[in-house]
C-alpha atoms as a PDB file:
ATOM      1  CA  MET A   1     114.944 -62.980-156.319  1.00  0.00           C
ATOM      2  CA  PRO A   2     111.489 -62.865-157.927  1.00  0.00           C
ATOM      3  CA  VAL A   3     110.381 -59.475-156.577  1.00  0.00           C
ATOM      4  CA  ALA A   4     113.544 -57.765-157.794  1.00  0.00           C
ATOM      5  CA  ASP A   5     113.205 -59.353-161.239  1.00  0.00           C
ATOM      6  CA  GLN A   6     109.677 -58.093-161.873  1.00  0.00           C
ATOM      7  CA  GLN A   7     110.696 -54.645-163.085  1.00  0.00           C
ATOM      8  CA  GLN A   8     114.308 -54.399-164.231  1.00  0.00           C
ATOM      9  CA  ALA A   9     113.931 -50.676-164.922  1.00  0.00           C
ATOM     10  CA  ALA A  10     112.339 -49.980-161.549  1.00  0.00           C
ATOM     11  CA  ARG A  11     114.127 -48.649-158.497  1.00  0.00           C
ATOM     12  CA  SER A  12     114.876 -51.907-156.751  1.00  0.00           C
ATOM     13  CA  ALA A  13     117.637 -53.676-154.874  1.00  0.00           C
ATOM     14  CA  GLN A  14     118.329 -56.933-153.097  1.00  0.00           C
ATOM     15  CA  ILE A  15     120.706 -58.048-150.385  1.00  0.00           C
ATOM     16  CA  ALA A  16     121.955 -61.182-148.681  1.00  0.00           C
ATOM     17  CA  ARG A  17     123.292 -60.756-145.149  1.00  0.00           C
ATOM     18  CA  LYS A  18     124.668 -63.694-143.199  1.00  0.00           C
ATOM     19  CA  THR A  19     126.137 -63.462-139.708  1.00  0.00           C
ATOM     20  CA  ASN A  20     126.578 -65.874-136.811  1.00  0.00           C
ATOM     21  CA  GLU A  21     123.173 -64.685-135.589  1.00  0.00           C
ATOM     22  CA  THR A  22     121.025 -64.323-138.712  1.00  0.00           C
ATOM     23  CA  ASP A  23     120.741 -65.321-142.360  1.00  0.00           C
ATOM     24  CA  ILE A  24     118.658 -62.856-144.364  1.00  0.00           C
ATOM     25  CA  GLN A  25     117.720 -62.454-148.019  1.00  0.00           C
ATOM     26  CA  LEU A  26     115.683 -59.358-148.854  1.00  0.00           C
ATOM     27  CA  ALA A  27     114.464 -57.788-152.101  1.00  0.00           C
ATOM     28  CA  PHE A  28     112.804 -54.366-152.203  1.00  0.00           C
ATOM     29  CA  ASN A  29     111.147 -52.540-155.098  1.00  0.00           C
ATOM     30  CA  VAL A  30     110.257 -48.893-154.455  1.00  0.00           C
ATOM     31  CA  ASP A  31     108.039 -48.756-157.553  1.00  0.00           C
ATOM     32  CA  GLY A  32     105.972 -51.816-156.766  1.00  0.00           C
ATOM     33  CA  THR A  33     102.310 -52.691-156.400  1.00  0.00           C
ATOM     34  CA  GLY A  34     102.063 -53.925-152.816  1.00  0.00           C
ATOM     35  CA  ILE A  35     103.289 -57.490-153.322  1.00  0.00           C
ATOM     36  CA  SER A  36     104.813 -59.066-150.222  1.00  0.00           C
ATOM     37  CA  GLU A  37     106.281 -62.441-149.332  1.00  0.00           C
ATOM     38  CA  PHE A  38     107.726 -63.260-145.924  1.00  0.00           C
ATOM     39  CA  GLU A  39     109.457 -66.268-144.447  1.00  0.00           C
ATOM     40  CA  THR A  40     110.632 -65.224-140.994  1.00  0.00           C
ATOM     41  CA  ASP A  41     110.246 -66.496-137.456  1.00  0.00           C
ATOM     42  CA  VAL A  42     108.769 -63.220-136.174  1.00  0.00           C
ATOM     43  CA  PRO A  43     105.053 -63.260-137.106  1.00  0.00           C
ATOM     44  CA  PHE A  44     104.214 -59.822-135.703  1.00  0.00           C
ATOM     45  CA  LEU A  45     107.012 -58.202-137.727  1.00  0.00           C
ATOM     46  CA  ASN A  46     105.729 -60.033-140.820  1.00  0.00           C
ATOM     47  CA  HIS A  47     102.339 -58.428-140.200  1.00  0.00           C
ATOM     48  CA  MET A  48     103.858 -54.952-139.778  1.00  0.00           C
ATOM     49  CA  LEU A  49     106.028 -55.301-142.896  1.00  0.00           C
ATOM     50  CA  ASP A  50     102.982 -56.409-144.860  1.00  0.00           C
ATOM     51  CA  LEU A  51     101.210 -53.195-143.801  1.00  0.00           C
ATOM     52  CA  PHE A  52     104.282 -51.133-144.705  1.00  0.00           C
ATOM     53  CA  THR A  53     104.424 -52.785-148.143  1.00  0.00           C
ATOM     54  CA  LYS A  54     100.726 -52.513-148.971  1.00  0.00           C
ATOM     55  CA  HIS A  55     100.303 -48.916-147.859  1.00  0.00           C
ATOM     56  CA  GLY A  56     103.549 -47.811-149.503  1.00  0.00           C
ATOM     57  CA  HIS A  57     102.796 -49.642-152.773  1.00  0.00           C
ATOM     58  CA  PHE A  58     106.172 -51.375-152.647  1.00  0.00           C
ATOM     59  CA  ASP A  59     107.184 -54.951-153.401  1.00  0.00           C
ATOM     60  CA  LEU A  60     109.040 -56.654-150.575  1.00  0.00           C
ATOM     61  CA  GLN A  61     110.351 -60.167-150.164  1.00  0.00           C
ATOM     62  CA  VAL A  62     112.064 -61.266-146.949  1.00  0.00           C
ATOM     63  CA  LYS A  63     113.473 -64.634-145.987  1.00  0.00           C
ATOM     64  CA  ALA A  64     115.107 -64.629-142.568  1.00  0.00           C
ATOM     65  CA  ASN A  65     116.380 -67.207-140.124  1.00  0.00           C
ATOM     66  CA  GLY A  66     117.750 -66.042-136.793  1.00  0.00           C
ATOM     67  CA  ASP A  67     118.588 -67.058-133.259  1.00  0.00           C
ATOM     68  CA  ILE A  68     115.042 -66.626-131.963  1.00  0.00           C
ATOM     69  CA  ASP A  69     115.788 -69.264-129.328  1.00  0.00           C
ATOM     70  CA  ILE A  70     117.491 -66.308-127.595  1.00  0.00           C
ATOM     71  CA  ASP A  71     114.935 -63.660-128.614  1.00  0.00           C
ATOM     72  CA  ASP A  72     113.735 -61.703-131.666  1.00  0.00           C
ATOM     73  CA  HIS A  73     116.311 -58.932-131.322  1.00  0.00           C
ATOM     74  CA  HIS A  74     118.926 -59.936-133.884  1.00  0.00           C
ATOM     75  CA  THR A  75     116.377 -60.947-136.524  1.00  0.00           C
ATOM     76  CA  VAL A  76     114.348 -57.736-136.195  1.00  0.00           C
ATOM     77  CA  GLU A  77     117.480 -55.573-136.121  1.00  0.00           C
ATOM     78  CA  ASP A  78     119.065 -57.202-139.158  1.00  0.00           C
ATOM     79  CA  ILE A  79     115.879 -57.021-141.231  1.00  0.00           C
ATOM     80  CA  GLY A  80     115.790 -53.289-140.464  1.00  0.00           C
ATOM     81  CA  ILE A  81     119.423 -53.003-141.571  1.00  0.00           C
ATOM     82  CA  CYS A  82     118.746 -54.870-144.820  1.00  0.00           C
ATOM     83  CA  LEU A  83     115.599 -52.910-145.637  1.00  0.00           C
ATOM     84  CA  GLY A  84     117.418 -49.618-145.081  1.00  0.00           C
ATOM     85  CA  GLN A  85     120.356 -50.648-147.239  1.00  0.00           C
ATOM     86  CA  THR A  86     118.136 -51.760-150.117  1.00  0.00           C
ATOM     87  CA  LEU A  87     116.109 -48.544-149.976  1.00  0.00           C
ATOM     88  CA  ARG A  88     119.278 -46.484-150.160  1.00  0.00           C
ATOM     89  CA  GLU A  89     120.630 -48.530-153.069  1.00  0.00           C
ATOM     90  CA  ALA A  90     117.328 -48.497-154.946  1.00  0.00           C
ATOM     91  CA  LEU A  91     117.088 -44.695-154.806  1.00  0.00           C
ATOM     92  CA  GLY A  92     120.512 -44.236-156.390  1.00  0.00           C
ATOM     93  CA  ASP A  93     121.362 -40.549-156.862  1.00  0.00           C
ATOM     94  CA  LYS A  94     117.840 -39.547-155.695  1.00  0.00           C
ATOM     95  CA  LYS A  95     117.268 -37.288-158.701  1.00  0.00           C
ATOM     96  CA  GLY A  96     113.701 -36.067-159.044  1.00  0.00           C
ATOM     97  CA  ILE A  97     112.394 -37.284-155.681  1.00  0.00           C
ATOM     98  CA  LYS A  98     110.114 -35.191-153.463  1.00  0.00           C
ATOM     99  CA  ARG A  99     112.483 -35.845-150.532  1.00  0.00           C
ATOM    100  CA  TYR A 100     110.098 -34.901-147.701  1.00  0.00           C
ATOM    101  CA  ALA A 101     106.906 -36.405-146.307  1.00  0.00           C
ATOM    102  CA  ASN A 102     104.682 -35.864-143.280  1.00  0.00           C
ATOM    103  CA  VAL A 103     101.994 -38.512-142.780  1.00  0.00           C
ATOM    104  CA  PHE A 104      99.357 -38.990-140.074  1.00  0.00           C
ATOM    105  CA  ILE A 105      97.583 -42.349-139.848  1.00  0.00           C
ATOM    106  CA  PRO A 106      94.734 -43.206-137.473  1.00  0.00           C
ATOM    107  CA  MET A 107      94.104 -46.779-136.415  1.00  0.00           C
ATOM    108  CA  ASP A 108      90.853 -46.749-134.474  1.00  0.00           C
ATOM    109  CA  GLU A 109      91.706 -44.895-131.233  1.00  0.00           C
ATOM    110  CA  ALA A 110      95.432 -44.545-132.054  1.00  0.00           C
ATOM    111  CA  LEU A 111      97.139 -41.802-134.062  1.00  0.00           C
ATOM    112  CA  ALA A 112     100.695 -42.016-135.407  1.00  0.00           C
ATOM    113  CA  GLN A 113     102.772 -39.501-137.346  1.00  0.00           C
ATOM    114  CA  VAL A 114     105.842 -40.227-139.466  1.00  0.00           C
ATOM    115  CA  VAL A 115     107.980 -37.423-140.885  1.00  0.00           C
ATOM    116  CA  ILE A 116     110.803 -38.184-143.332  1.00  0.00           C
ATOM    117  CA  ASP A 117     113.640 -36.348-145.017  1.00  0.00           C
ATOM    118  CA  VAL A 118     115.567 -38.457-147.552  1.00  0.00           C
ATOM    119  CA  SER A 119     118.601 -36.380-146.724  1.00  0.00           C
ATOM    120  CA  ASN A 120     121.614 -38.722-146.700  1.00  0.00           C
ATOM    121  CA  ARG A 121     121.962 -37.583-143.073  1.00  0.00           C
ATOM    122  CA  PRO A 122     120.767 -40.396-140.819  1.00  0.00           C
ATOM    123  CA  HIS A 123     118.863 -39.275-137.732  1.00  0.00           C
ATOM    124  CA  PHE A 124     116.077 -40.873-135.715  1.00  0.00           C
ATOM    125  CA  GLU A 125     113.628 -39.363-133.228  1.00  0.00           C
ATOM    126  CA  TYR A 126     111.043 -41.561-131.540  1.00  0.00           C
ATOM    127  CA  ARG A 127     108.196 -40.528-129.290  1.00  0.00           C
ATOM    128  CA  ALA A 128     106.007 -43.457-128.290  1.00  0.00           C
ATOM    129  CA  GLN A 129     104.713 -44.874-125.029  1.00  0.00           C
ATOM    130  CA  TYR A 130     102.799 -48.135-125.290  1.00  0.00           C
ATOM    131  CA  PRO A 131     100.317 -49.483-122.728  1.00  0.00           C
ATOM    132  CA  SER A 132     101.931 -52.926-122.779  1.00  0.00           C
ATOM    133  CA  ALA A 133     105.514 -54.139-123.128  1.00  0.00           C
ATOM    134  CA  GLN A 134     104.541 -56.932-125.519  1.00  0.00           C
ATOM    135  CA  VAL A 135     102.108 -57.750-128.310  1.00  0.00           C
ATOM    136  CA  GLY A 136     101.820 -61.512-128.119  1.00  0.00           C
ATOM    137  CA  SER A 137     105.425 -62.679-127.964  1.00  0.00           C
ATOM    138  CA  PHE A 138     106.764 -59.521-129.671  1.00  0.00           C
ATOM    139  CA  SER A 139     108.532 -56.972-127.452  1.00  0.00           C
ATOM    140  CA  THR A 140     107.470 -53.397-128.201  1.00  0.00           C
ATOM    141  CA  GLU A 141     111.058 -52.172-127.706  1.00  0.00           C
ATOM    142  CA  MET A 142     111.849 -53.963-130.974  1.00  0.00           C
ATOM    143  CA  VAL A 143     109.864 -51.286-132.846  1.00  0.00           C
ATOM    144  CA  HIS A 144     112.490 -48.715-131.853  1.00  0.00           C
ATOM    145  CA  GLU A 145     115.307 -51.102-132.766  1.00  0.00           C
ATOM    146  CA  PHE A 146     113.873 -51.803-136.231  1.00  0.00           C
ATOM    147  CA  LEU A 147     113.124 -48.162-137.078  1.00  0.00           C
ATOM    148  CA  TRP A 148     116.465 -46.878-135.787  1.00  0.00           C
ATOM    149  CA  LYS A 149     118.474 -49.342-137.864  1.00  0.00           C
ATOM    150  CA  PHE A 150     116.259 -48.747-140.907  1.00  0.00           C
ATOM    151  CA  ALA A 151     116.808 -44.971-140.720  1.00  0.00           C
ATOM    152  CA  LEU A 152     120.537 -45.364-140.108  1.00  0.00           C
ATOM    153  CA  GLU A 153     121.143 -47.678-143.059  1.00  0.00           C
ATOM    154  CA  ALA A 154     118.790 -45.848-145.429  1.00  0.00           C
ATOM    155  CA  ARG A 155     120.552 -42.613-144.411  1.00  0.00           C
ATOM    156  CA  ILE A 156     117.289 -40.773-143.860  1.00  0.00           C
ATOM    157  CA  THR A 157     116.032 -38.453-141.147  1.00  0.00           C
ATOM    158  CA  LEU A 158     113.078 -40.211-139.544  1.00  0.00           C
ATOM    159  CA  HIS A 159     110.755 -38.825-136.872  1.00  0.00           C
ATOM    160  CA  VAL A 160     108.094 -41.148-135.458  1.00  0.00           C
ATOM    161  CA  ILE A 161     105.466 -39.847-133.031  1.00  0.00           C
ATOM    162  CA  VAL A 162     102.610 -41.862-131.577  1.00  0.00           C
ATOM    163  CA  HIS A 163     100.319 -39.079-130.365  1.00  0.00           C
ATOM    164  CA  TYR A 164      97.939 -41.304-128.428  1.00  0.00           C
ATOM    165  CA  GLY A 165      96.279 -44.678-128.258  1.00  0.00           C
ATOM    166  CA  GLN A 166      95.035 -47.352-125.890  1.00  0.00           C
ATOM    167  CA  ASN A 167      95.730 -50.560-127.780  1.00  0.00           C
ATOM    168  CA  THR A 168      99.411 -51.337-128.339  1.00  0.00           C
ATOM    169  CA  HIS A 169      98.757 -53.356-131.500  1.00  0.00           C
ATOM    170  CA  HIS A 170      96.782 -50.475-133.007  1.00  0.00           C
ATOM    171  CA  MET A 171      99.482 -47.951-132.113  1.00  0.00           C
ATOM    172  CA  ILE A 172     102.296 -49.942-133.722  1.00  0.00           C
ATOM    173  CA  GLU A 173     100.139 -50.741-136.736  1.00  0.00           C
ATOM    174  CA  ALA A 174      99.506 -47.030-137.269  1.00  0.00           C
ATOM    175  CA  VAL A 175     103.284 -46.438-137.194  1.00  0.00           C
ATOM    176  CA  PHE A 176     104.027 -48.972-139.915  1.00  0.00           C
ATOM    177  CA  LYS A 177     101.165 -47.817-142.124  1.00  0.00           C
ATOM    178  CA  ALA A 178     102.372 -44.232-141.766  1.00  0.00           C
ATOM    179  CA  LEU A 179     105.946 -45.311-142.476  1.00  0.00           C
ATOM    180  CA  GLY A 180     104.866 -46.940-145.731  1.00  0.00           C
ATOM    181  CA  ARG A 181     102.905 -43.901-146.857  1.00  0.00           C
ATOM    182  CA  ALA A 182     105.702 -41.513-145.870  1.00  0.00           C
ATOM    183  CA  VAL A 183     108.467 -43.460-147.635  1.00  0.00           C
ATOM    184  CA  ASP A 184     106.251 -43.711-150.717  1.00  0.00           C
ATOM    185  CA  GLU A 185     105.589 -39.977-150.781  1.00  0.00           C
ATOM    186  CA  ALA A 186     109.155 -38.892-150.041  1.00  0.00           C
ATOM    187  CA  THR A 187     110.637 -41.165-152.711  1.00  0.00           C
ATOM    188  CA  SER A 188     108.057 -40.433-155.402  1.00  0.00           C
ATOM    189  CA  ILE A 189     109.202 -38.597-158.490  1.00  0.00           C
ATOM    190  CA  ASP A 190     108.094 -34.981-158.902  1.00  0.00           C
ATOM    191  CA  PRO A 191     108.448 -33.849-162.542  1.00  0.00           C
ATOM    192  CA  ARG A 192     109.062 -30.285-161.337  1.00  0.00           C
ATOM    193  CA  VAL A 193     112.269 -31.341-159.581  1.00  0.00           C
ATOM    194  CA  LYS A 194     115.336 -30.925-161.751  1.00  0.00           C
ATOM    195  CA  GLY A 195     118.244 -32.944-160.418  1.00  0.00           C
ATOM    196  CA  VAL A 196     118.076 -33.417-156.645  1.00  0.00           C
ATOM    197  CA  PRO A 197     115.888 -31.309-154.322  1.00  0.00           C
ATOM    198  CA  SER A 198     118.780 -29.628-152.494  1.00  0.00           C
ATOM    199  CA  THR A 199     120.632 -26.345-152.841  1.00  0.00           C
ATOM    200  CA  LYS A 200     123.800 -28.390-152.305  1.00  0.00           C
ATOM    201  CA  GLY A 201     123.240 -30.118-155.621  1.00  0.00           C
ATOM    202  CA  VAL A 202     123.633 -33.548-154.054  1.00  0.00           C
ATOM    203  CA  LEU A 203     121.868 -35.753-151.519  1.00  0.00           C
END
């Protein structure tokens, strides 16, 4: 796929996942420049992934068809799975990475915090209460579904806290911007790190 071909030496990966419910092709470049291209049937998720890509300075290409005649669930879930798997593959042995990140992002009246440990131990904590159950046609419970599957497949510890807010769109937007910044920081190379940042000697 074009995004994955841009930098052969970069930390990048691509995946094709086809089930009876979805057909997804995804390419992810950790060391990108914020280039994004989406062909999915979930416009709000496209918007959130665009924010994640731009603020994390990644390159991300997603083409997804799913059974949205039922609802968005399978498409959102499987994109989260694919993104997590490509992140894990792209990072390889994780040598030299910073590993941790703690990012706060305000979006007008809303404030979100994302804390990450690229630990190879998948765990997800989520603290968010939204004023409305939907943003347009997008169900806010899908945010949890996406992030949970992303953390599980990337094998990272991910804590997401929305401290406050009044506008549901703003609150979710702050989460995805913070996620992009946190993944970028945690996966960035620190020249002081020799091998992997763990006393175990492996991540």
